[in-house]
N, C-alpha and C. Protein backbone atom coordinates (compact mmCIF):
# COMPACT_ATOMS: atom_id res chain seq x y z
N MET A 1 -24.57 -14.24 -0.93
CA MET A 1 -23.33 -14.78 0.40
C MET A 1 -22.61 -13.33 0.25
N GLU A 2 -22.05 -12.50 1.05
CA GLU A 2 -21.57 -11.63 1.03
C GLU A 2 -19.61 -12.08 1.01
N LYS A 3 -19.15 -11.13 0.29
CA LYS A 3 -17.77 -11.41 -0.18
C LYS A 3 -16.62 -10.65 0.54
N GLN A 4 -15.87 -11.18 0.65
CA GLN A 4 -14.73 -9.95 1.30
C GLN A 4 -13.68 -9.76 0.07
N LEU A 5 -13.17 -8.39 0.20
CA LEU A 5 -12.48 -8.24 -0.41
C LEU A 5 -11.55 -7.18 0.11
N ILE A 6 -10.43 -7.36 -0.39
CA ILE A 6 -8.83 -6.76 0.45
C ILE A 6 -7.90 -6.59 -1.05
N ILE A 7 -7.79 -4.99 -1.40
CA ILE A 7 -7.09 -4.99 -2.43
C ILE A 7 -5.53 -4.15 -2.21
N SER A 8 -4.77 -4.86 -2.13
CA SER A 8 -3.45 -4.23 -1.77
C SER A 8 -2.74 -3.69 -2.83
N VAL A 9 -2.68 -2.09 -2.72
CA VAL A 9 -1.69 -1.34 -3.65
C VAL A 9 -0.37 -0.89 -3.45
N SER A 10 0.57 -1.46 -4.21
CA SER A 10 1.69 -1.24 -4.13
C SER A 10 2.23 -0.33 -5.44
N ARG A 11 3.00 0.72 -5.51
CA ARG A 11 3.27 1.45 -6.12
C ARG A 11 4.22 2.54 -5.97
N GLU A 12 4.94 3.10 -7.31
CA GLU A 12 5.95 3.91 -7.96
C GLU A 12 5.61 5.29 -7.00
N PHE A 13 6.39 5.92 -7.08
CA PHE A 13 6.02 7.11 -6.52
C PHE A 13 5.95 7.85 -7.65
N GLY A 14 4.96 8.65 -7.47
CA GLY A 14 4.48 9.57 -8.85
C GLY A 14 3.43 8.79 -10.01
N SER A 15 3.41 7.72 -9.47
CA SER A 15 2.43 6.42 -10.62
C SER A 15 0.98 7.36 -10.41
N GLY A 16 0.44 7.57 -9.67
CA GLY A 16 -0.79 7.96 -9.35
C GLY A 16 -1.51 6.53 -8.80
N GLY A 17 -0.42 5.74 -7.81
CA GLY A 17 -0.96 4.66 -6.88
C GLY A 17 -2.09 5.04 -6.22
N TYR A 18 -1.82 5.87 -5.67
CA TYR A 18 -2.25 6.14 -4.54
C TYR A 18 -4.29 6.50 -4.75
N ALA A 19 -4.01 7.64 -6.11
CA ALA A 19 -5.27 8.16 -6.36
C ALA A 19 -5.91 7.00 -7.14
N VAL A 20 -5.13 5.70 -7.18
CA VAL A 20 -6.46 4.71 -8.10
C VAL A 20 -6.72 3.91 -7.53
N ALA A 21 -6.07 3.98 -6.05
CA ALA A 21 -6.31 2.72 -4.71
C ALA A 21 -7.63 3.50 -4.15
N GLU A 22 -7.26 5.15 -4.25
CA GLU A 22 -8.73 5.84 -3.26
C GLU A 22 -9.63 5.45 -3.95
N GLU A 23 -9.44 5.21 -5.48
CA GLU A 23 -11.20 5.19 -6.81
C GLU A 23 -11.50 3.95 -6.49
N LEU A 24 -10.83 2.99 -6.12
CA LEU A 24 -11.18 1.61 -6.20
C LEU A 24 -12.16 1.57 -4.82
N ALA A 25 -11.50 2.21 -3.64
CA ALA A 25 -12.14 2.11 -2.73
C ALA A 25 -13.69 2.68 -2.76
N GLY A 26 -13.35 3.57 -3.45
CA GLY A 26 -15.03 4.33 -3.71
C GLY A 26 -15.72 3.66 -4.62
N ARG A 27 -15.46 2.57 -5.52
CA ARG A 27 -16.00 2.33 -6.56
C ARG A 27 -16.92 0.88 -6.03
N PHE A 28 -16.21 0.46 -5.01
CA PHE A 28 -16.38 -1.23 -4.21
C PHE A 28 -17.44 -0.28 -2.93
N LYS A 29 -16.97 0.43 -2.48
CA LYS A 29 -17.89 1.17 -1.50
C LYS A 29 -17.14 0.42 -0.04
N ILE A 30 -15.77 0.65 0.36
CA ILE A 30 -14.92 -0.84 1.17
C ILE A 30 -13.90 0.92 1.95
N GLY A 31 -13.41 0.18 2.91
CA GLY A 31 -12.62 0.85 3.59
C GLY A 31 -11.30 1.39 3.19
N PHE A 32 -10.57 2.31 3.61
CA PHE A 32 -9.35 2.89 2.96
C PHE A 32 -8.23 2.98 4.00
N TYR A 33 -7.39 2.07 3.81
CA TYR A 33 -6.07 2.59 4.64
C TYR A 33 -4.70 2.62 4.66
N ASP A 34 -4.28 3.82 4.63
CA ASP A 34 -2.41 4.28 4.26
C ASP A 34 -2.19 4.72 5.48
N HIS A 35 -1.98 6.27 5.43
CA HIS A 35 -1.31 6.77 6.82
C HIS A 35 -2.36 6.76 7.75
N ASN A 36 -3.43 6.67 7.63
CA ASN A 36 -4.70 6.66 8.79
C ASN A 36 -4.63 5.35 9.66
N ILE A 37 -3.98 4.39 9.09
CA ILE A 37 -3.60 3.27 10.29
C ILE A 37 -2.99 3.34 11.47
N LEU A 38 -1.53 4.50 11.21
CA LEU A 38 -1.27 5.38 12.53
C LEU A 38 -1.99 6.15 13.34
N ASP A 39 -2.64 6.41 12.80
CA ASP A 39 -4.13 7.87 13.61
C ASP A 39 -4.81 6.62 14.35
N LEU A 40 -5.60 5.73 13.59
CA LEU A 40 -6.20 4.55 14.55
C LEU A 40 -5.21 3.47 15.71
N ILE A 41 -4.04 3.47 15.26
CA ILE A 41 -3.23 3.02 16.24
C ILE A 41 -2.71 3.73 17.26
N ALA A 42 -2.63 4.83 17.04
CA ALA A 42 -2.48 6.14 17.98
C ALA A 42 -3.68 5.92 18.69
N GLN A 43 -4.80 6.19 18.52
CA GLN A 43 -5.91 6.31 18.96
C GLN A 43 -6.25 5.51 20.12
N LYS A 44 -6.10 4.05 19.51
CA LYS A 44 -5.87 2.68 20.68
C LYS A 44 -5.23 2.75 21.68
N LYS A 45 -4.03 3.31 21.52
CA LYS A 45 -2.94 3.02 22.37
C LYS A 45 -2.62 4.68 23.40
N SER A 46 -3.78 5.29 23.06
CA SER A 46 -3.14 6.56 23.45
C SER A 46 -1.78 7.18 23.18
N GLY A 47 -1.06 6.89 21.86
CA GLY A 47 -0.13 7.91 21.40
C GLY A 47 -0.13 8.60 20.77
N ASN A 48 1.00 8.75 20.09
CA ASN A 48 1.17 10.37 19.30
C ASN A 48 1.23 10.18 17.63
N ALA A 49 0.08 10.47 16.91
CA ALA A 49 0.25 9.81 15.49
C ALA A 49 1.66 10.68 14.96
N ASP A 50 2.08 11.48 15.32
CA ASP A 50 3.11 12.26 14.34
C ASP A 50 4.16 11.53 14.67
N THR A 51 4.59 11.06 16.03
CA THR A 51 5.53 10.80 16.25
C THR A 51 5.70 8.93 15.58
N LEU A 52 4.89 8.35 15.73
CA LEU A 52 4.45 7.06 15.15
C LEU A 52 4.76 7.06 13.53
N LYS A 53 4.59 8.28 12.86
CA LYS A 53 4.57 8.52 11.02
C LYS A 53 6.01 8.68 11.01
N LYS A 54 7.02 9.39 11.57
CA LYS A 54 8.31 9.61 11.63
C LYS A 54 8.93 8.30 11.00
N PHE A 55 8.30 7.11 11.52
CA PHE A 55 8.92 5.63 11.17
C PHE A 55 8.55 4.98 10.07
N ASP A 56 7.17 5.21 9.48
CA ASP A 56 6.16 4.90 8.76
C ASP A 56 7.00 4.10 7.73
N GLU A 57 6.94 3.08 7.29
CA GLU A 57 7.41 2.32 5.79
C GLU A 57 9.05 2.72 5.79
N VAL A 58 9.51 2.76 7.34
CA VAL A 58 11.29 3.21 7.05
C VAL A 58 12.02 1.77 7.67
N PRO A 59 13.03 1.67 6.89
CA PRO A 59 13.70 0.15 7.19
C PRO A 59 14.47 0.59 8.60
N LYS A 60 14.62 -0.31 9.31
CA LYS A 60 15.38 0.05 10.77
C LYS A 60 16.63 0.11 10.42
N SER A 61 17.16 1.33 11.36
CA SER A 61 18.71 1.38 11.09
C SER A 61 19.32 -0.12 11.45
N ARG A 62 20.55 -0.05 11.11
CA ARG A 62 21.17 -1.44 11.67
C ARG A 62 22.32 -1.08 12.86
N LEU A 63 22.75 0.14 12.56
CA LEU A 63 23.53 0.89 13.27
C LEU A 63 23.41 0.66 15.21
N PHE A 64 21.59 1.52 14.96
CA PHE A 64 21.24 1.88 16.27
C PHE A 64 20.05 1.06 17.11
N SER A 65 19.99 -0.39 16.36
CA SER A 65 19.38 -0.98 16.97
C SER A 65 19.43 -2.80 16.90
N ARG A 66 19.09 -3.52 17.81
CA ARG A 66 19.33 -4.79 18.07
C ARG A 66 17.96 -5.91 18.40
N THR A 67 18.49 -6.95 17.84
CA THR A 67 17.38 -7.92 18.38
C THR A 67 17.33 -9.12 19.23
N VAL A 68 17.26 -9.25 20.26
CA VAL A 68 17.35 -10.29 21.18
C VAL A 68 16.38 -10.71 21.48
N ARG A 69 16.76 -12.46 21.21
CA ARG A 69 15.40 -13.65 21.72
C ARG A 69 14.40 -12.86 20.72
N GLY A 70 14.45 -12.61 19.66
CA GLY A 70 13.30 -12.26 18.85
C GLY A 70 12.90 -11.07 18.54
N PHE A 71 12.92 -10.66 19.69
CA PHE A 71 12.50 -9.03 19.92
C PHE A 71 13.43 -8.08 19.43
N SER A 72 13.07 -6.70 18.61
CA SER A 72 13.63 -5.84 18.19
C SER A 72 13.69 -4.40 19.26
N ASN A 73 14.46 -3.89 19.24
CA ASN A 73 14.26 -2.96 20.11
C ASN A 73 14.19 -1.56 18.88
N SER A 74 13.96 -1.65 17.61
CA SER A 74 14.19 -0.57 16.88
C SER A 74 12.74 -0.22 16.79
N PRO A 75 12.43 1.39 16.86
CA PRO A 75 11.07 1.87 16.37
C PRO A 75 10.51 1.47 15.27
N GLU A 76 11.59 1.29 14.52
CA GLU A 76 10.84 1.31 12.73
C GLU A 76 10.12 -0.14 12.74
N ASP A 77 10.69 -1.44 12.98
CA ASP A 77 10.62 -2.20 13.47
C ASP A 77 9.12 -2.31 14.46
N VAL A 78 8.92 -1.95 15.26
CA VAL A 78 7.98 -1.75 16.32
C VAL A 78 6.46 -1.29 15.73
N ILE A 79 7.07 -0.25 14.87
CA ILE A 79 6.13 0.14 14.22
C ILE A 79 4.97 -1.01 13.03
N SER A 80 5.91 -0.83 12.00
CA SER A 80 5.84 -1.96 10.99
C SER A 80 4.52 -3.16 11.52
N GLU A 81 5.45 -3.74 12.79
CA GLU A 81 4.67 -4.95 13.62
C GLU A 81 3.26 -4.49 13.63
N MET A 82 2.98 -3.19 14.32
CA MET A 82 1.89 -2.88 14.55
C MET A 82 1.05 -2.50 13.40
N GLN A 83 1.23 -2.22 12.31
CA GLN A 83 0.74 -2.20 11.07
C GLN A 83 0.29 -3.29 10.65
N PHE A 84 1.44 -4.00 10.43
CA PHE A 84 0.90 -5.80 10.31
C PHE A 84 -0.04 -6.32 10.76
N ASP A 85 0.20 -6.09 12.39
CA ASP A 85 -1.13 -6.75 13.23
C ASP A 85 -2.24 -6.44 12.71
N PHE A 86 -2.45 -4.98 12.44
CA PHE A 86 -3.68 -3.88 12.27
C PHE A 86 -4.29 -5.21 10.78
N MET A 87 -3.94 -5.05 10.32
CA MET A 87 -4.18 -5.57 8.60
C MET A 87 -4.67 -6.72 9.10
N ARG A 88 -4.07 -7.76 9.86
CA ARG A 88 -3.87 -9.04 9.92
C ARG A 88 -5.50 -9.44 10.34
N GLU A 89 -5.85 -8.39 11.37
CA GLU A 89 -6.88 -8.29 12.89
C GLU A 89 -8.06 -7.85 11.59
N LYS A 90 -7.98 -6.46 10.94
CA LYS A 90 -9.05 -6.29 9.89
C LYS A 90 -9.51 -7.45 8.85
N ALA A 91 -8.46 -8.32 8.08
CA ALA A 91 -8.94 -9.16 7.52
C ALA A 91 -9.52 -10.51 7.97
N GLU A 92 -8.77 -10.54 9.59
CA GLU A 92 -9.75 -12.06 10.31
C GLU A 92 -10.88 -11.81 10.93
N ALA A 93 -11.40 -10.33 10.84
CA ALA A 93 -12.41 -9.51 11.12
C ALA A 93 -13.62 -9.45 10.34
N GLY A 94 -13.51 -10.26 9.00
CA GLY A 94 -13.80 -10.40 7.93
C GLY A 94 -14.09 -8.80 6.65
N GLU A 95 -13.33 -7.69 7.23
CA GLU A 95 -13.21 -6.30 6.90
C GLU A 95 -13.43 -6.79 5.42
N SER A 96 -13.93 -5.79 4.41
CA SER A 96 -13.62 -5.34 2.94
C SER A 96 -12.37 -4.06 3.11
N PHE A 97 -11.38 -3.77 2.51
CA PHE A 97 -10.68 -2.34 2.79
C PHE A 97 -9.58 -2.62 1.16
N VAL A 98 -9.11 -1.86 0.83
CA VAL A 98 -8.04 -1.11 0.55
C VAL A 98 -6.68 -0.72 1.41
N ILE A 99 -5.72 -1.39 1.27
CA ILE A 99 -4.58 -1.09 1.86
C ILE A 99 -3.49 -0.59 0.46
N VAL A 100 -2.70 0.83 1.40
CA VAL A 100 -1.52 1.08 0.31
C VAL A 100 -0.14 0.61 0.99
N GLY A 101 0.22 0.10 0.22
CA GLY A 101 1.89 -0.31 0.48
C GLY A 101 2.21 -1.53 1.71
N ARG A 102 2.93 -0.82 2.56
CA ARG A 102 3.08 -1.54 3.86
C ARG A 102 3.28 -2.89 4.00
N CYS A 103 3.89 -3.59 3.25
CA CYS A 103 4.05 -4.76 2.59
C CYS A 103 2.71 -5.84 2.77
N SER A 104 1.55 -5.39 2.36
CA SER A 104 0.20 -5.95 2.74
C SER A 104 0.17 -7.10 1.72
N GLU A 105 0.82 -6.93 0.43
CA GLU A 105 0.91 -8.28 -0.34
C GLU A 105 1.24 -9.53 0.15
N ALA A 106 2.16 -9.19 0.90
CA ALA A 106 3.10 -10.12 1.73
C ALA A 106 2.81 -10.72 3.17
N VAL A 107 2.27 -9.98 3.68
CA VAL A 107 1.34 -9.78 4.95
C VAL A 107 0.46 -10.66 4.75
N LEU A 108 -0.81 -10.30 3.92
CA LEU A 108 -2.08 -11.05 3.93
C LEU A 108 -1.89 -12.33 2.69
N LYS A 109 -0.89 -12.50 2.27
CA LYS A 109 -0.68 -13.71 1.44
C LYS A 109 -1.54 -14.63 1.70
N GLY A 110 -2.13 -15.67 1.01
CA GLY A 110 -2.83 -16.74 0.88
C GLY A 110 -4.20 -16.61 1.90
N HIS A 111 -4.38 -14.94 1.65
CA HIS A 111 -6.18 -15.14 2.28
C HIS A 111 -7.04 -14.96 0.78
N PRO A 112 -7.97 -15.65 1.23
CA PRO A 112 -8.85 -15.70 -0.11
C PRO A 112 -9.62 -14.67 -0.80
N GLY A 113 -9.56 -13.59 0.02
CA GLY A 113 -9.86 -12.46 -0.48
C GLY A 113 -9.20 -11.27 -1.08
N LEU A 114 -7.47 -11.62 -1.36
CA LEU A 114 -6.54 -10.76 -1.65
C LEU A 114 -6.15 -10.43 -2.81
N VAL A 115 -6.25 -9.14 -3.55
CA VAL A 115 -5.78 -8.85 -4.72
C VAL A 115 -4.88 -7.76 -4.62
N THR A 116 -3.46 -8.81 -5.46
CA THR A 116 -2.41 -7.72 -5.31
C THR A 116 -2.39 -7.13 -6.55
N VAL A 117 -1.61 -5.60 -6.32
CA VAL A 117 -1.95 -4.91 -7.65
C VAL A 117 -0.48 -3.90 -7.20
N PHE A 118 0.75 -3.82 -8.46
CA PHE A 118 1.39 -2.86 -8.10
C PHE A 118 1.28 -1.87 -9.56
N ILE A 119 1.44 -1.08 -9.01
CA ILE A 119 1.38 0.52 -9.77
C ILE A 119 2.91 1.14 -10.75
N LEU A 120 2.95 0.88 -11.54
CA LEU A 120 4.37 1.57 -11.62
C LEU A 120 3.66 3.02 -13.00
N GLY A 121 5.22 3.52 -13.41
CA GLY A 121 4.54 4.52 -14.31
C GLY A 121 5.39 4.97 -15.20
N ASP A 122 5.67 5.49 -16.29
CA ASP A 122 6.56 5.70 -17.37
C ASP A 122 7.67 7.19 -16.65
N TYR A 123 8.84 7.20 -16.62
CA TYR A 123 9.38 8.08 -15.93
C TYR A 123 9.13 9.33 -16.05
N ASP A 124 8.95 10.04 -17.17
CA ASP A 124 8.66 11.25 -17.73
C ASP A 124 7.58 11.87 -17.12
N LYS A 125 6.32 10.65 -17.13
CA LYS A 125 4.84 11.05 -16.76
C LYS A 125 4.63 11.22 -15.09
N LYS A 126 5.59 10.33 -14.47
CA LYS A 126 5.65 10.62 -13.38
C LYS A 126 6.23 11.52 -12.71
N VAL A 127 7.55 12.17 -13.41
CA VAL A 127 8.18 13.58 -13.26
C VAL A 127 7.11 14.86 -13.24
N GLU A 128 6.65 14.49 -14.22
CA GLU A 128 5.77 15.52 -14.68
C GLU A 128 4.16 15.62 -13.51
N ARG A 129 3.77 14.44 -13.16
CA ARG A 129 2.81 14.21 -11.88
C ARG A 129 3.62 15.04 -10.64
N VAL A 130 4.44 14.87 -10.15
CA VAL A 130 5.04 15.37 -9.27
C VAL A 130 5.28 16.76 -9.08
N CYS A 131 5.90 17.26 -10.27
CA CYS A 131 6.31 18.70 -10.15
C CYS A 131 4.83 19.33 -10.34
N GLU A 132 3.76 18.64 -10.93
CA GLU A 132 2.65 19.09 -10.46
C GLU A 132 1.70 19.24 -8.95
N LYS A 133 2.16 18.19 -8.77
CA LYS A 133 1.33 18.03 -7.44
C LYS A 133 2.14 18.88 -6.10
N TYR A 134 3.30 18.41 -6.08
CA TYR A 134 3.98 19.24 -4.97
C TYR A 134 4.75 20.55 -5.14
N HIS A 135 4.54 21.15 -6.58
CA HIS A 135 4.84 22.72 -7.33
C HIS A 135 6.55 22.47 -7.06
N LEU A 136 7.34 21.75 -7.70
CA LEU A 136 8.50 21.00 -7.88
C LEU A 136 9.23 21.59 -9.24
N SER A 137 10.40 21.67 -9.19
CA SER A 137 10.92 21.80 -10.45
C SER A 137 11.22 20.40 -10.69
N GLN A 138 11.65 20.21 -12.33
CA GLN A 138 11.72 18.88 -12.62
C GLN A 138 12.75 18.32 -11.55
N SER A 139 14.19 19.00 -11.82
CA SER A 139 15.21 17.93 -11.13
C SER A 139 14.80 17.73 -9.80
N GLU A 140 13.99 18.88 -8.57
CA GLU A 140 13.70 18.71 -7.55
C GLU A 140 12.93 17.33 -7.73
N ALA A 141 11.78 17.62 -8.75
CA ALA A 141 10.81 16.17 -8.37
C ALA A 141 11.58 14.72 -8.93
N GLN A 142 12.78 14.92 -9.68
CA GLN A 142 13.78 13.52 -10.03
C GLN A 142 13.83 12.95 -8.99
N SER A 143 14.31 14.08 -8.08
CA SER A 143 15.75 14.08 -6.75
C SER A 143 14.34 13.03 -5.72
N LEU A 144 13.00 13.46 -5.46
CA LEU A 144 12.30 13.28 -4.62
C LEU A 144 11.71 11.83 -4.83
N ILE A 145 11.33 11.48 -6.84
CA ILE A 145 11.11 9.94 -6.55
C ILE A 145 11.92 9.06 -6.66
N LYS A 146 13.51 9.29 -6.92
CA LYS A 146 14.57 8.50 -6.41
C LYS A 146 14.93 8.35 -5.05
N THR A 147 14.43 9.29 -3.81
CA THR A 147 14.59 8.96 -2.85
C THR A 147 13.30 8.13 -2.21
N LYS A 148 12.33 8.63 -2.81
CA LYS A 148 11.05 7.79 -2.39
C LYS A 148 11.10 6.08 -2.54
N ASP A 149 11.33 6.15 -3.99
CA ASP A 149 11.38 4.74 -4.47
C ASP A 149 12.13 3.95 -3.81
N LYS A 150 13.90 4.67 -3.18
CA LYS A 150 14.97 3.99 -2.37
C LYS A 150 14.03 3.29 -1.44
N LYS A 151 13.65 4.21 -0.51
CA LYS A 151 13.00 3.95 0.68
C LYS A 151 12.30 3.10 0.33
N ARG A 152 11.06 3.12 -0.79
CA ARG A 152 10.16 2.14 -0.26
C ARG A 152 10.36 0.80 -0.81
N LYS A 153 11.71 0.67 -1.92
CA LYS A 153 11.91 -0.76 -2.07
C LYS A 153 13.02 -1.19 -0.86
N SER A 154 13.91 -0.07 -0.46
CA SER A 154 14.34 -0.67 1.01
C SER A 154 13.66 -1.59 2.30
N TYR A 155 12.49 -0.67 2.66
CA TYR A 155 11.57 -1.35 3.23
C TYR A 155 11.02 -2.49 3.07
N HIS A 156 10.41 -2.71 1.86
CA HIS A 156 9.90 -3.80 1.19
C HIS A 156 10.82 -5.27 1.29
N ASN A 157 12.01 -4.88 0.85
CA ASN A 157 13.00 -5.83 0.77
C ASN A 157 13.86 -6.15 2.10
N TYR A 158 13.37 -5.21 3.08
CA TYR A 158 13.88 -5.98 4.53
C TYR A 158 13.12 -7.05 4.96
N HIS A 159 11.79 -6.67 4.64
CA HIS A 159 10.34 -7.18 5.29
C HIS A 159 10.09 -8.57 4.48
N CYS A 160 10.06 -8.59 2.79
CA CYS A 160 9.69 -9.46 2.15
C CYS A 160 10.63 -9.99 1.62
N ASP A 161 9.92 -11.50 1.28
CA ASP A 161 10.96 -12.19 0.50
C ASP A 161 10.94 -11.98 -1.10
N LEU A 162 10.00 -11.51 -1.80
CA LEU A 162 10.16 -11.09 -3.07
C LEU A 162 10.69 -9.68 -3.14
N HIS A 163 11.23 -9.12 -4.17
CA HIS A 163 11.85 -7.84 -4.39
C HIS A 163 10.40 -6.71 -4.67
N TRP A 164 10.55 -5.67 -3.98
CA TRP A 164 9.59 -4.55 -4.30
C TRP A 164 9.33 -4.35 -5.83
N GLY A 165 8.17 -4.93 -6.56
CA GLY A 165 7.95 -4.50 -8.16
C GLY A 165 8.45 -6.05 -8.84
N ASP A 166 8.71 -6.61 -8.36
CA ASP A 166 9.08 -8.13 -9.08
C ASP A 166 7.40 -8.35 -9.37
N SER A 167 6.91 -8.77 -10.48
CA SER A 167 5.60 -9.04 -11.02
C SER A 167 5.39 -10.47 -10.52
N ARG A 168 5.77 -11.12 -10.06
CA ARG A 168 5.66 -12.51 -9.60
C ARG A 168 5.25 -12.57 -8.32
N GLY A 169 5.07 -10.96 -7.44
CA GLY A 169 4.11 -11.02 -6.19
C GLY A 169 3.35 -10.40 -6.18
N TYR A 170 2.66 -10.07 -7.38
CA TYR A 170 1.81 -9.28 -7.51
C TYR A 170 0.78 -10.07 -8.95
N ASP A 171 -0.37 -9.72 -8.37
CA ASP A 171 -1.63 -10.42 -9.21
C ASP A 171 -1.53 -9.63 -10.66
N ILE A 172 -1.70 -7.98 -10.22
CA ILE A 172 -1.42 -7.17 -11.98
C ILE A 172 -0.17 -6.30 -11.42
N SER A 173 0.37 -6.10 -12.73
CA SER A 173 1.26 -5.01 -12.45
C SER A 173 0.92 -3.89 -13.56
N ILE A 174 0.51 -3.09 -13.71
CA ILE A 174 0.23 -1.89 -14.36
C ILE A 174 0.89 -0.64 -14.50
N ASN A 175 0.73 -0.49 -15.66
CA ASN A 175 1.35 1.10 -15.96
C ASN A 175 0.43 2.23 -16.14
N SER A 176 0.12 2.85 -14.84
CA SER A 176 -0.71 3.78 -15.17
C SER A 176 -1.15 5.29 -15.87
N SER A 177 0.45 5.39 -16.86
CA SER A 177 0.99 6.43 -17.92
C SER A 177 -0.19 6.00 -18.83
N LYS A 178 -0.37 4.85 -19.41
CA LYS A 178 -0.57 4.53 -20.29
C LYS A 178 -2.47 4.72 -20.52
N LEU A 179 -3.27 4.48 -18.94
CA LEU A 179 -4.45 4.96 -19.42
C LEU A 179 -5.08 5.82 -18.14
N GLY A 180 -4.11 6.52 -17.30
CA GLY A 180 -4.48 7.53 -16.51
C GLY A 180 -5.10 6.84 -15.16
N VAL A 181 -5.44 7.68 -14.20
CA VAL A 181 -5.97 7.22 -12.87
C VAL A 181 -7.23 6.10 -13.53
N SER A 182 -7.67 6.68 -13.60
CA SER A 182 -9.23 6.23 -13.74
C SER A 182 -9.58 4.81 -14.81
N GLY A 183 -8.50 5.16 -16.04
CA GLY A 183 -8.49 3.99 -16.54
C GLY A 183 -7.88 2.94 -16.07
N THR A 184 -7.02 3.01 -15.60
CA THR A 184 -6.17 2.04 -14.21
C THR A 184 -6.95 1.20 -13.96
N ALA A 185 -8.13 2.25 -12.73
CA ALA A 185 -8.59 1.91 -12.16
C ALA A 185 -9.69 1.20 -12.66
N ASP A 186 -10.20 1.29 -14.02
CA ASP A 186 -11.26 0.37 -14.92
C ASP A 186 -10.70 -0.86 -15.09
N VAL A 187 -9.10 -1.31 -15.33
CA VAL A 187 -8.93 -2.27 -15.61
C VAL A 187 -8.79 -3.35 -14.65
N ILE A 188 -8.63 -2.53 -13.29
CA ILE A 188 -8.14 -3.73 -12.06
C ILE A 188 -9.68 -3.80 -11.52
N GLU A 189 -10.69 -3.11 -11.43
CA GLU A 189 -12.04 -3.25 -11.23
C GLU A 189 -12.52 -4.12 -11.79
N ALA A 190 -12.17 -4.34 -13.17
CA ALA A 190 -12.92 -5.56 -14.26
C ALA A 190 -12.45 -6.87 -13.72
N TYR A 191 -10.94 -6.63 -13.72
CA TYR A 191 -10.12 -8.33 -13.33
C TYR A 191 -10.96 -8.47 -12.18
N ILE A 192 -10.92 -7.78 -11.16
CA ILE A 192 -11.77 -8.41 -9.70
C ILE A 192 -13.19 -8.57 -9.74
N ARG A 193 -13.86 -8.29 -10.30
CA ARG A 193 -15.32 -8.45 -11.08
C ARG A 193 -15.56 -9.42 -11.33
N GLU A 194 -14.47 -9.83 -12.56
CA GLU A 194 -14.36 -11.33 -12.99
C GLU A 194 -13.98 -12.22 -12.20
N ARG A 195 -13.12 -11.78 -11.72
CA ARG A 195 -12.24 -13.00 -10.76
C ARG A 195 -13.22 -13.58 -9.88
N PHE A 196 -13.52 -12.69 -9.34
CA PHE A 196 -14.64 -12.85 -7.64
C PHE A 196 -16.24 -13.10 -8.14
N GLY A 197 -16.83 -12.83 -9.52
CA GLY A 197 -18.07 -12.98 -9.43
C GLY A 197 -19.21 -11.77 -9.02
N ILE A 198 -18.02 -10.46 -9.12
CA ILE A 198 -18.91 -9.30 -8.20
C ILE A 198 -19.53 -8.67 -9.34
N VAL A 199 -21.40 -8.77 -9.22
CA VAL A 199 -21.60 -7.87 -10.00
C VAL A 199 -22.09 -6.43 -9.93
N TYR A 200 -22.31 -6.25 -8.89
CA TYR A 200 -22.42 -4.84 -8.11
C TYR A 200 -21.32 -4.68 -6.71
N SER A 201 -21.26 -3.47 -6.57
CA SER A 201 -20.56 -2.97 -5.39
C SER A 201 -21.11 -3.63 -4.20
N GLY A 202 -22.52 -3.96 -4.34
CA GLY A 202 -23.30 -4.28 -2.84
C GLY A 202 -22.75 -5.47 -2.44
N ASP A 203 -22.30 -6.22 -3.17
CA ASP A 203 -21.93 -7.96 -2.81
C ASP A 203 -20.61 -7.59 -2.09
N ILE A 204 -20.03 -6.43 -1.91
CA ILE A 204 -19.13 -6.70 -0.85
C ILE A 204 -19.37 -5.87 0.66
N SER A 205 -18.53 -6.56 1.33
CA SER A 205 -18.53 -6.34 2.96
C SER A 205 -17.98 -5.65 3.16
N ALA A 206 -18.33 -4.23 4.16
CA ALA A 206 -17.30 -3.61 4.59
C ALA A 206 -17.31 -3.74 5.86
N GLU A 207 -17.71 -4.49 6.96
CA GLU A 207 -17.60 -5.07 7.85
C GLU A 207 -17.12 -6.44 8.10
């Protein structure tokens, strides 16, 4: 019997969580969703993906938005709901995929094929990684990490009950600095295979 697998990966900026998520998608040969969700939504609605991405994983501005009869006029809220609906539709259709961020561990909570992961890292290693990846000075990298994580935390905590990074909200919380990207993916893969009895990647359904 084919199994459905959905891997939700939340991450601290600079932890390498995105790279781990990509590697897991490759190992299990399943779909990978991140910013490309908005490209797909834009194609479906004949919209502009770049415009949508300006509001990606951003909490709404309370100063310039309001909610009337349960409906928000905030573009941040509208785009978030578009992405949440996209995830739900893919899950209900039986597709297997890896999804990065976007409150996916809460949006898809209760789905039998869901595995939720939070990837953190040692601060010095995160700074080093960001410096190297974005060609920044140490102080610039530190500032970017602070800004990005503050944004992610604010967005997540606005939409979810449990706070961003709270281990109670995830099946696995792991420090990628200890094992690196591939080693971290090894641990997560082993957990998934043991939990679902997956012997090889051909057991997973991508559709």
